[in-house]
Amino acid sequence: MICSMFNLTAVQSALRQFGIAGWLMYEFRGANVLARRILGMGETPLSSRRFLYWIPATGTPVRIVHRIEDSVLDHLPGDKVIYLKWQEFESAIQDVV
């Protein structure tokens, strides 16, 4: 069950308030229940591939998703980077952070 409770404006405002450059949320096979809750994904893992969601204090967020499950974060705002190999995954992280 996907929930639409995520509030990008509020998250970015809090990041700026505390002087934090951004927030990188990582999830893999249900290991990060907190990220799933914050991103409005519920607690039951719906994906088997790693994904990241980068929320900068200002600007456009970035969804880094695997090609097999490239729609897992489509309910969230931001640009999308699709990876297949782990090298592409690491490169995408370096590019956004």
PDB file of N, CA and C in Angstrom:
ATOM      1  N   MET A   1       0.826  -1.169   0.000  1.00  0.00           N
ATOM      2  CA  MET A   1       0.000   0.000   0.000  1.00  0.00           C
ATOM      3  C   MET A   1       0.880   1.247   0.000  1.00  0.00           C
ATOM      4  N   ILE A   2       0.677   2.111  -0.967  1.00  0.00           N
ATOM      5  CA  ILE A   2       1.452   3.326  -1.058  1.00  0.00           C
ATOM      6  C   ILE A   2       0.616   4.482  -0.520  1.00  0.00           C
ATOM      7  N   CYS A   3       1.226   5.249   0.334  1.00  0.00           N
ATOM      8  CA  CYS A   3       0.563   6.379   0.982  1.00  0.00           C
ATOM      9  C   CYS A   3       1.126   7.679   0.411  1.00  0.00           C
ATOM     10  N   SER A   4       0.334   8.712   0.352  1.00  0.00           N
ATOM     11  CA  SER A   4       0.799   9.972  -0.222  1.00  0.00           C
ATOM     12  C   SER A   4       1.082  11.012   0.857  1.00  0.00           C
ATOM     13  N   MET A   5       1.651  10.630   1.969  1.00  0.00           N
ATOM     14  CA  MET A   5       1.898  11.533   3.079  1.00  0.00           C
ATOM     15  C   MET A   5       3.208  12.303   2.954  1.00  0.00           C
ATOM     16  N   PHE A   6       4.060  11.977   2.014  1.00  0.00           N
ATOM     17  CA  PHE A   6       5.362  12.628   1.888  1.00  0.00           C
ATOM     18  C   PHE A   6       5.184  14.095   1.526  1.00  0.00           C
ATOM     19  N   ASN A   7       5.857  14.977   2.278  1.00  0.00           N
ATOM     20  CA  ASN A   7       5.750  16.410   2.054  1.00  0.00           C
ATOM     21  C   ASN A   7       7.145  16.971   1.787  1.00  0.00           C
ATOM     22  N   LEU A   8       7.494  17.085   0.514  1.00  0.00           N
ATOM     23  CA  LEU A   8       8.824  17.547   0.111  1.00  0.00           C
ATOM     24  C   LEU A   8       9.129  18.932   0.659  1.00  0.00           C
ATOM     25  N   THR A   9       8.180  19.837   0.586  1.00  0.00           N
ATOM     26  CA  THR A   9       8.400  21.203   1.055  1.00  0.00           C
ATOM     27  C   THR A   9       8.780  21.221   2.528  1.00  0.00           C
ATOM     28  N   ALA A  10       8.077  20.446   3.343  1.00  0.00           N
ATOM     29  CA  ALA A  10       8.364  20.390   4.779  1.00  0.00           C
ATOM     30  C   ALA A  10       9.733  19.773   5.053  1.00  0.00           C
ATOM     31  N   VAL A  11      10.077  18.716   4.324  1.00  0.00           N
ATOM     32  CA  VAL A  11      11.377  18.064   4.521  1.00  0.00           C
ATOM     33  C   VAL A  11      12.501  19.024   4.151  1.00  0.00           C
ATOM     34  N   GLN A  12      12.388  19.682   2.996  1.00  0.00           N
ATOM     35  CA  GLN A  12      13.442  20.601   2.578  1.00  0.00           C
ATOM     36  C   GLN A  12      13.555  21.797   3.526  1.00  0.00           C
ATOM     37  N   SER A  13      12.442  22.259   4.032  1.00  0.00           N
ATOM     38  CA  SER A  13      12.460  23.359   4.995  1.00  0.00           C
ATOM     39  C   SER A  13      13.206  22.952   6.266  1.00  0.00           C
ATOM     40  N   ALA A  14      12.945  21.748   6.757  1.00  0.00           N
ATOM     41  CA  ALA A  14      13.628  21.247   7.956  1.00  0.00           C
ATOM     42  C   ALA A  14      15.125  21.081   7.706  1.00  0.00           C
ATOM     43  N   LEU A  15      15.495  20.585   6.536  1.00  0.00           N
ATOM     44  CA  LEU A  15      16.913  20.436   6.209  1.00  0.00           C
ATOM     45  C   LEU A  15      17.613  21.791   6.253  1.00  0.00           C
ATOM     46  N   ARG A  16      17.001  22.800   5.649  1.00  0.00           N
ATOM     47  CA  ARG A  16      17.590  24.143   5.656  1.00  0.00           C
ATOM     48  C   ARG A  16      17.647  24.713   7.073  1.00  0.00           C
ATOM     49  N   GLN A  17      16.600  24.498   7.842  1.00  0.00           N
ATOM     50  CA  GLN A  17      16.539  25.009   9.202  1.00  0.00           C
ATOM     51  C   GLN A  17      17.702  24.496  10.048  1.00  0.00           C
ATOM     52  N   PHE A  18      18.073  23.240   9.842  1.00  0.00           N
ATOM     53  CA  PHE A  18      19.142  22.638  10.631  1.00  0.00           C
ATOM     54  C   PHE A  18      20.499  22.675   9.926  1.00  0.00           C
ATOM     55  N   GLY A  19      20.568  23.343   8.787  1.00  0.00           N
ATOM     56  CA  GLY A  19      21.844  23.483   8.074  1.00  0.00           C
ATOM     57  C   GLY A  19      22.358  22.195   7.461  1.00  0.00           C
ATOM     58  N   ILE A  20      21.454  21.324   7.055  1.00  0.00           N
ATOM     59  CA  ILE A  20      21.828  20.038   6.465  1.00  0.00           C
ATOM     60  C   ILE A  20      21.709  20.152   4.943  1.00  0.00           C
ATOM     61  N   ALA A  21      22.746  19.747   4.234  1.00  0.00           N
ATOM     62  CA  ALA A  21      22.777  19.885   2.769  1.00  0.00           C
ATOM     63  C   ALA A  21      21.744  19.019   2.065  1.00  0.00           C
ATOM     64  N   GLY A  22      21.451  17.862   2.624  1.00  0.00           N
ATOM     65  CA  GLY A  22      20.479  16.973   1.990  1.00  0.00           C
ATOM     66  C   GLY A  22      20.313  15.697   2.790  1.00  0.00           C
ATOM     67  N   TRP A  23      19.375  14.886   2.337  1.00  0.00           N
ATOM     68  CA  TRP A  23      19.057  13.632   3.020  1.00  0.00           C
ATOM     69  C   TRP A  23      19.036  12.530   1.974  1.00  0.00           C
ATOM     70  N   LEU A  24      19.854  11.518   2.172  1.00  0.00           N
ATOM     71  CA  LEU A  24      19.932  10.386   1.260  1.00  0.00           C
ATOM     72  C   LEU A  24      19.281   9.185   1.933  1.00  0.00           C
ATOM     73  N   MET A  25      18.166   8.733   1.377  1.00  0.00           N
ATOM     74  CA  MET A  25      17.461   7.576   1.930  1.00  0.00           C
ATOM     75  C   MET A  25      17.747   6.356   1.061  1.00  0.00           C
ATOM     76  N   TYR A  26      18.130   5.278   1.721  1.00  0.00           N
ATOM     77  CA  TYR A  26      18.509   4.033   1.058  1.00  0.00           C
ATOM     78  C   TYR A  26      17.577   2.920   1.511  1.00  0.00           C
ATOM     79  N   GLU A  27      17.218   2.069   0.590  1.00  0.00           N
ATOM     80  CA  GLU A  27      16.374   0.923   0.922  1.00  0.00           C
ATOM     81  C   GLU A  27      16.784  -0.281   0.093  1.00  0.00           C
ATOM     82  N   PHE A  28      16.764  -1.445   0.745  1.00  0.00           N
ATOM     83  CA  PHE A  28      17.059  -2.701   0.059  1.00  0.00           C
ATOM     84  C   PHE A  28      16.316  -3.819   0.769  1.00  0.00           C
ATOM     85  N   ARG A  29      15.348  -4.389   0.082  1.00  0.00           N
ATOM     86  CA  ARG A  29      14.589  -5.544   0.569  1.00  0.00           C
ATOM     87  C   ARG A  29      13.965  -5.353   1.952  1.00  0.00           C
ATOM     88  N   GLY A  30      13.461  -4.171   2.225  1.00  0.00           N
ATOM     89  CA  GLY A  30      12.770  -3.930   3.474  1.00  0.00           C
ATOM     90  C   GLY A  30      13.654  -3.643   4.664  1.00  0.00           C
ATOM     91  N   ALA A  31      14.946  -3.412   4.443  1.00  0.00           N
ATOM     92  CA  ALA A  31      15.881  -3.199   5.549  1.00  0.00           C
ATOM     93  C   ALA A  31      15.711  -1.848   6.235  1.00  0.00           C
ATOM     94  N   ASN A  32      15.112  -0.872   5.556  1.00  0.00           N
ATOM     95  CA  ASN A  32      14.986   0.466   6.122  1.00  0.00           C
ATOM     96  C   ASN A  32      13.507   0.848   6.239  1.00  0.00           C
ATOM     97  N   VAL A  33      12.890   0.396   7.302  1.00  0.00           N
ATOM     98  CA  VAL A  33      11.463   0.638   7.527  1.00  0.00           C
ATOM     99  C   VAL A  33      11.187   2.130   7.658  1.00  0.00           C
ATOM    100  N   LEU A  34      12.075   2.855   8.292  1.00  0.00           N
ATOM    101  CA  LEU A  34      11.889   4.294   8.462  1.00  0.00           C
ATOM    102  C   LEU A  34      11.820   4.999   7.108  1.00  0.00           C
ATOM    103  N   ALA A  35      12.726   4.684   6.210  1.00  0.00           N
ATOM    104  CA  ALA A  35      12.707   5.300   4.875  1.00  0.00           C
ATOM    105  C   ALA A  35      11.406   4.967   4.157  1.00  0.00           C
ATOM    106  N   ARG A  36      10.968   3.737   4.253  1.00  0.00           N
ATOM    107  CA  ARG A  36       9.720   3.334   3.603  1.00  0.00           C
ATOM    108  C   ARG A  36       8.542   4.136   4.156  1.00  0.00           C
ATOM    109  N   ARG A  37       8.526   4.344   5.461  1.00  0.00           N
ATOM    110  CA  ARG A  37       7.435   5.120   6.073  1.00  0.00           C
ATOM    111  C   ARG A  37       7.484   6.576   5.614  1.00  0.00           C
ATOM    112  N   ILE A  38       8.652   7.182   5.687  1.00  0.00           N
ATOM    113  CA  ILE A  38       8.799   8.591   5.310  1.00  0.00           C
ATOM    114  C   ILE A  38       8.443   8.808   3.845  1.00  0.00           C
ATOM    115  N   LEU A  39       8.817   7.865   3.000  1.00  0.00           N
ATOM    116  CA  LEU A  39       8.558   7.993   1.566  1.00  0.00           C
ATOM    117  C   LEU A  39       7.149   7.550   1.182  1.00  0.00           C
ATOM    118  N   GLY A  40       6.340   7.202   2.169  1.00  0.00           N
ATOM    119  CA  GLY A  40       4.955   6.844   1.907  1.00  0.00           C
ATOM    120  C   GLY A  40       4.788   5.519   1.196  1.00  0.00           C
ATOM    121  N   MET A  41       5.630   4.543   1.549  1.00  0.00           N
ATOM    122  CA  MET A  41       5.599   3.253   0.874  1.00  0.00           C
ATOM    123  C   MET A  41       5.034   2.134   1.740  1.00  0.00           C
ATOM    124  N   GLY A  42       4.622   2.445   2.940  1.00  0.00           N
ATOM    125  CA  GLY A  42       4.154   1.394   3.826  1.00  0.00           C
ATOM    126  C   GLY A  42       5.324   0.611   4.390  1.00  0.00           C
ATOM    127  N   GLU A  43       5.035  -0.431   5.123  1.00  0.00           N
ATOM    128  CA  GLU A  43       6.095  -1.190   5.772  1.00  0.00           C
ATOM    129  C   GLU A  43       6.427  -2.501   5.077  1.00  0.00           C
ATOM    130  N   THR A  44       5.610  -2.926   4.151  1.00  0.00           N
ATOM    131  CA  THR A  44       5.853  -4.173   3.442  1.00  0.00           C
ATOM    132  C   THR A  44       6.700  -3.905   2.203  1.00  0.00           C
ATOM    133  N   PRO A  45       7.862  -4.542   2.107  1.00  0.00           N
ATOM    134  CA  PRO A  45       8.719  -4.317   0.945  1.00  0.00           C
ATOM    135  C   PRO A  45       8.013  -4.701  -0.355  1.00  0.00           C
ATOM    136  N   LEU A  46       8.055  -3.809  -1.311  1.00  0.00           N
ATOM    137  CA  LEU A  46       7.475  -4.082  -2.621  1.00  0.00           C
ATOM    138  C   LEU A  46       8.559  -4.269  -3.676  1.00  0.00           C
ATOM    139  N   SER A  47       9.796  -4.127  -3.267  1.00  0.00           N
ATOM    140  CA  SER A  47      10.891  -4.199  -4.226  1.00  0.00           C
ATOM    141  C   SER A  47      11.984  -5.135  -3.722  1.00  0.00           C
ATOM    142  N   SER A  48      12.752  -5.648  -4.656  1.00  0.00           N
ATOM    143  CA  SER A  48      13.858  -6.525  -4.299  1.00  0.00           C
ATOM    144  C   SER A  48      15.198  -5.930  -4.727  1.00  0.00           C
ATOM    145  N   ARG A  49      15.160  -4.721  -5.269  1.00  0.00           N
ATOM    146  CA  ARG A  49      16.373  -4.045  -5.724  1.00  0.00           C
ATOM    147  C   ARG A  49      16.625  -2.802  -4.875  1.00  0.00           C
ATOM    148  N   ARG A  50      17.889  -2.428  -4.827  1.00  0.00           N
ATOM    149  CA  ARG A  50      18.256  -1.224  -4.075  1.00  0.00           C
ATOM    150  C   ARG A  50      17.677   0.021  -4.751  1.00  0.00           C
ATOM    151  N   PHE A  51      17.278   0.980  -3.904  1.00  0.00           N
ATOM    152  CA  PHE A  51      16.946   2.293  -4.436  1.00  0.00           C
ATOM    153  C   PHE A  51      17.356   3.359  -3.434  1.00  0.00           C
ATOM    154  N   LEU A  52      17.574   4.549  -3.953  1.00  0.00           N
ATOM    155  CA  LEU A  52      17.946   5.703  -3.147  1.00  0.00           C
ATOM    156  C   LEU A  52      17.053   6.867  -3.517  1.00  0.00           C
ATOM    157  N   TYR A  53      16.819   7.709  -2.549  1.00  0.00           N
ATOM    158  CA  TYR A  53      16.100   8.949  -2.810  1.00  0.00           C
ATOM    159  C   TYR A  53      16.903  10.066  -2.170  1.00  0.00           C
ATOM    160  N   TRP A  54      17.431  10.969  -2.989  1.00  0.00           N
ATOM    161  CA  TRP A  54      18.227  12.097  -2.525  1.00  0.00           C
ATOM    162  C   TRP A  54      17.338  13.329  -2.469  1.00  0.00           C
ATOM    163  N   ILE A  55      17.251  13.912  -1.281  1.00  0.00           N
ATOM    164  CA  ILE A  55      16.474  15.131  -1.090  1.00  0.00           C
ATOM    165  C   ILE A  55      17.450  16.242  -0.723  1.00  0.00           C
ATOM    166  N   PRO A  56      17.753  17.132  -1.666  1.00  0.00           N
ATOM    167  CA  PRO A  56      18.630  18.260  -1.332  1.00  0.00           C
ATOM    168  C   PRO A  56      17.858  19.307  -0.534  1.00  0.00           C
ATOM    169  N   ALA A  57      18.561  20.105   0.239  1.00  0.00           N
ATOM    170  CA  ALA A  57      17.899  21.157   1.016  1.00  0.00           C
ATOM    171  C   ALA A  57      17.187  22.146   0.090  1.00  0.00           C
ATOM    172  N   THR A  58      17.753  22.363  -1.063  1.00  0.00           N
ATOM    173  CA  THR A  58      17.095  23.171  -2.097  1.00  0.00           C
ATOM    174  C   THR A  58      17.290  22.472  -3.428  1.00  0.00           C
ATOM    175  N   GLY A  59      16.331  22.582  -4.285  1.00  0.00           N
ATOM    176  CA  GLY A  59      16.448  21.971  -5.599  1.00  0.00           C
ATOM    177  C   GLY A  59      15.601  20.719  -5.749  1.00  0.00           C
ATOM    178  N   THR A  60      15.857  20.033  -6.828  1.00  0.00           N
ATOM    179  CA  THR A  60      15.061  18.878  -7.222  1.00  0.00           C
ATOM    180  C   THR A  60      15.614  17.575  -6.641  1.00  0.00           C
ATOM    181  N   PRO A  61      14.777  16.768  -5.998  1.00  0.00           N
ATOM    182  CA  PRO A  61      15.218  15.456  -5.508  1.00  0.00           C
ATOM    183  C   PRO A  61      15.566  14.527  -6.679  1.00  0.00           C
ATOM    184  N   VAL A  62      16.278  13.465  -6.358  1.00  0.00           N
ATOM    185  CA  VAL A  62      16.660  12.478  -7.377  1.00  0.00           C
ATOM    186  C   VAL A  62      16.322  11.082  -6.869  1.00  0.00           C
ATOM    187  N   ARG A  63      15.632  10.310  -7.726  1.00  0.00           N
ATOM    188  CA  ARG A  63      15.301   8.915  -7.440  1.00  0.00           C
ATOM    189  C   ARG A  63      16.294   8.045  -8.208  1.00  0.00           C
ATOM    190  N   ILE A  64      17.029   7.198  -7.502  1.00  0.00           N
ATOM    191  CA  ILE A  64      17.972   6.276  -8.140  1.00  0.00           C
ATOM    192  C   ILE A  64      17.379   4.884  -7.993  1.00  0.00           C
ATOM    193  N   VAL A  65      17.003   4.300  -9.124  1.00  0.00           N
ATOM    194  CA  VAL A  65      16.276   3.031  -9.107  1.00  0.00           C
ATOM    195  C   VAL A  65      16.875   2.038 -10.100  1.00  0.00           C
ATOM    196  N   HIS A  66      16.674   0.762  -9.824  1.00  0.00           N
ATOM    197  CA  HIS A  66      17.146  -0.297 -10.707  1.00  0.00           C
ATOM    198  C   HIS A  66      16.234  -0.419 -11.927  1.00  0.00           C
ATOM    199  N   ARG A  67      16.808  -0.799 -13.037  1.00  0.00           N
ATOM    200  CA  ARG A  67      16.043  -0.921 -14.280  1.00  0.00           C
ATOM    201  C   ARG A  67      14.886  -1.911 -14.168  1.00  0.00           C
ATOM    202  N   ILE A  68      15.063  -2.975 -13.399  1.00  0.00           N
ATOM    203  CA  ILE A  68      14.014  -3.984 -13.254  1.00  0.00           C
ATOM    204  C   ILE A  68      12.804  -3.428 -12.498  1.00  0.00           C
ATOM    205  N   GLU A  69      13.053  -2.523 -11.549  1.00  0.00           N
ATOM    206  CA  GLU A  69      11.976  -1.935 -10.743  1.00  0.00           C
ATOM    207  C   GLU A  69      12.037  -0.412 -10.838  1.00  0.00           C
ATOM    208  N   ASP A  70      12.021   0.084 -12.041  1.00  0.00           N
ATOM    209  CA  ASP A  70      12.250   1.515 -12.251  1.00  0.00           C
ATOM    210  C   ASP A  70      11.082   2.412 -11.858  1.00  0.00           C
ATOM    211  N   SER A  71       9.953   1.854 -11.490  1.00  0.00           N
ATOM    212  CA  SER A  71       8.804   2.677 -11.106  1.00  0.00           C
ATOM    213  C   SER A  71       8.562   2.703  -9.599  1.00  0.00           C
ATOM    214  N   VAL A  72       9.445   2.093  -8.820  1.00  0.00           N
ATOM    215  CA  VAL A  72       9.222   1.946  -7.378  1.00  0.00           C
ATOM    216  C   VAL A  72       9.066   3.294  -6.657  1.00  0.00           C
ATOM    217  N   LEU A  73       9.686   4.340  -7.151  1.00  0.00           N
ATOM    218  CA  LEU A  73       9.585   5.660  -6.513  1.00  0.00           C
ATOM    219  C   LEU A  73       8.823   6.669  -7.367  1.00  0.00           C
ATOM    220  N   ASP A  74       8.081   6.200  -8.330  1.00  0.00           N
ATOM    221  CA  ASP A  74       7.372   7.114  -9.231  1.00  0.00           C
ATOM    222  C   ASP A  74       6.324   7.978  -8.532  1.00  0.00           C
ATOM    223  N   HIS A  75       5.911   7.600  -7.337  1.00  0.00           N
ATOM    224  CA  HIS A  75       4.932   8.410  -6.601  1.00  0.00           C
ATOM    225  C   HIS A  75       5.577   9.631  -5.942  1.00  0.00           C
ATOM    226  N   LEU A  76       6.907   9.729  -6.016  1.00  0.00           N
ATOM    227  CA  LEU A  76       7.635  10.838  -5.402  1.00  0.00           C
ATOM    228  C   LEU A  76       8.114  11.826  -6.456  1.00  0.00           C
ATOM    229  N   PRO A  77       8.244  13.105  -6.077  1.00  0.00           N
ATOM    230  CA  PRO A  77       8.737  14.097  -7.027  1.00  0.00           C
ATOM    231  C   PRO A  77      10.239  13.947  -7.260  1.00  0.00           C
ATOM    232  N   GLY A  78      10.701  14.433  -8.393  1.00  0.00           N
ATOM    233  CA  GLY A  78      12.137  14.472  -8.658  1.00  0.00           C
ATOM    234  C   GLY A  78      12.529  13.808  -9.954  1.00  0.00           C
ATOM    235  N   ASP A  79      13.801  13.981 -10.266  1.00  0.00           N
ATOM    236  CA  ASP A  79      14.380  13.352 -11.450  1.00  0.00           C
ATOM    237  C   ASP A  79      14.634  11.880 -11.159  1.00  0.00           C
ATOM    238  N   LYS A  80      14.729  11.102 -12.229  1.00  0.00           N
ATOM    239  CA  LYS A  80      14.961   9.670 -12.072  1.00  0.00           C
ATOM    240  C   LYS A  80      16.244   9.271 -12.786  1.00  0.00           C
ATOM    241  N   VAL A  81      17.075   8.503 -12.076  1.00  0.00           N
ATOM    242  CA  VAL A  81      18.273   7.899 -12.651  1.00  0.00           C
ATOM    243  C   VAL A  81      18.082   6.400 -12.554  1.00  0.00           C
ATOM    244  N   ILE A  82      18.221   5.715 -13.679  1.00  0.00           N
ATOM    245  CA  ILE A  82      18.044   4.262 -13.713  1.00  0.00           C
ATOM    246  C   ILE A  82      19.407   3.604 -13.867  1.00  0.00           C
ATOM    247  N   TYR A  83      19.662   2.596 -13.020  1.00  0.00           N
ATOM    248  CA  TYR A  83      20.923   1.868 -13.106  1.00  0.00           C
ATOM    249  C   TYR A  83      20.645   0.389 -13.372  1.00  0.00           C
ATOM    250  N   LEU A  84      21.648  -0.295 -13.876  1.00  0.00           N
ATOM    251  CA  LEU A  84      21.573  -1.743 -14.058  1.00  0.00           C
ATOM    252  C   LEU A  84      22.698  -2.419 -13.277  1.00  0.00           C
ATOM    253  N   LYS A  85      23.923  -1.956 -13.481  1.00  0.00           N
ATOM    254  CA  LYS A  85      25.086  -2.550 -12.821  1.00  0.00           C
ATOM    255  C   LYS A  85      25.424  -1.769 -11.554  1.00  0.00           C
ATOM    256  N   TRP A  86      26.094  -2.418 -10.615  1.00  0.00           N
ATOM    257  CA  TRP A  86      26.452  -1.757  -9.361  1.00  0.00           C
ATOM    258  C   TRP A  86      27.362  -0.567  -9.605  1.00  0.00           C
ATOM    259  N   GLN A  87      28.175  -0.621 -10.650  1.00  0.00           N
ATOM    260  CA  GLN A  87      29.055   0.509 -10.960  1.00  0.00           C
ATOM    261  C   GLN A  87      28.222   1.743 -11.326  1.00  0.00           C
ATOM    262  N   GLU A  88      27.124   1.524 -12.044  1.00  0.00           N
ATOM    263  CA  GLU A  88      26.234   2.626 -12.404  1.00  0.00           C
ATOM    264  C   GLU A  88      25.540   3.175 -11.161  1.00  0.00           C
ATOM    265  N   PHE A  89      25.206   2.289 -10.236  1.00  0.00           N
ATOM    266  CA  PHE A  89      24.581   2.685  -8.980  1.00  0.00           C
ATOM    267  C   PHE A  89      25.518   3.599  -8.194  1.00  0.00           C
ATOM    268  N   GLU A  90      26.762   3.179  -8.033  1.00  0.00           N
ATOM    269  CA  GLU A  90      27.746   3.979  -7.314  1.00  0.00           C
ATOM    270  C   GLU A  90      28.017   5.310  -8.000  1.00  0.00           C
ATOM    271  N   SER A  91      28.089   5.286  -9.308  1.00  0.00           N
ATOM    272  CA  SER A  91      28.309   6.512 -10.071  1.00  0.00           C
ATOM    273  C   SER A  91      27.152   7.503  -9.896  1.00  0.00           C
ATOM    274  N   ALA A  92      25.928   6.981  -9.889  1.00  0.00           N
ATOM    275  CA  ALA A  92      24.751   7.841  -9.697  1.00  0.00           C
ATOM    276  C   ALA A  92      24.769   8.486  -8.326  1.00  0.00           C
ATOM    277  N   ILE A  93      25.184   7.744  -7.321  1.00  0.00           N
ATOM    278  CA  ILE A  93      25.274   8.305  -5.961  1.00  0.00           C
ATOM    279  C   ILE A  93      26.299   9.435  -5.941  1.00  0.00           C
ATOM    280  N   GLN A  94      27.450   9.209  -6.528  1.00  0.00           N
ATOM    281  CA  GLN A  94      28.487  10.246  -6.565  1.00  0.00           C
ATOM    282  C   GLN A  94      28.007  11.489  -7.297  1.00  0.00           C
ATOM    283  N   ASP A  95      27.237  11.304  -8.340  1.00  0.00           N
ATOM    284  CA  ASP A  95      26.745  12.442  -9.119  1.00  0.00           C
ATOM    285  C   ASP A  95      25.757  13.307  -8.351  1.00  0.00           C
ATOM    286  N   VAL A  96      24.915  12.704  -7.529  1.00  0.00           N
ATOM    287  CA  VAL A  96      23.886  13.489  -6.844  1.00  0.00           C
ATOM    288  C   VAL A  96      24.336  14.027  -5.487  1.00  0.00           C
ATOM    289  N   VAL A  97      25.254  13.338  -4.840  1.00  0.00           N
ATOM    290  CA  VAL A  97      25.682  13.779  -3.516  1.00  0.00           C
ATOM    291  C   VAL A  97      26.937  14.534  -3.675  1.00  0.00           C
TER     292      VAL A  97
END
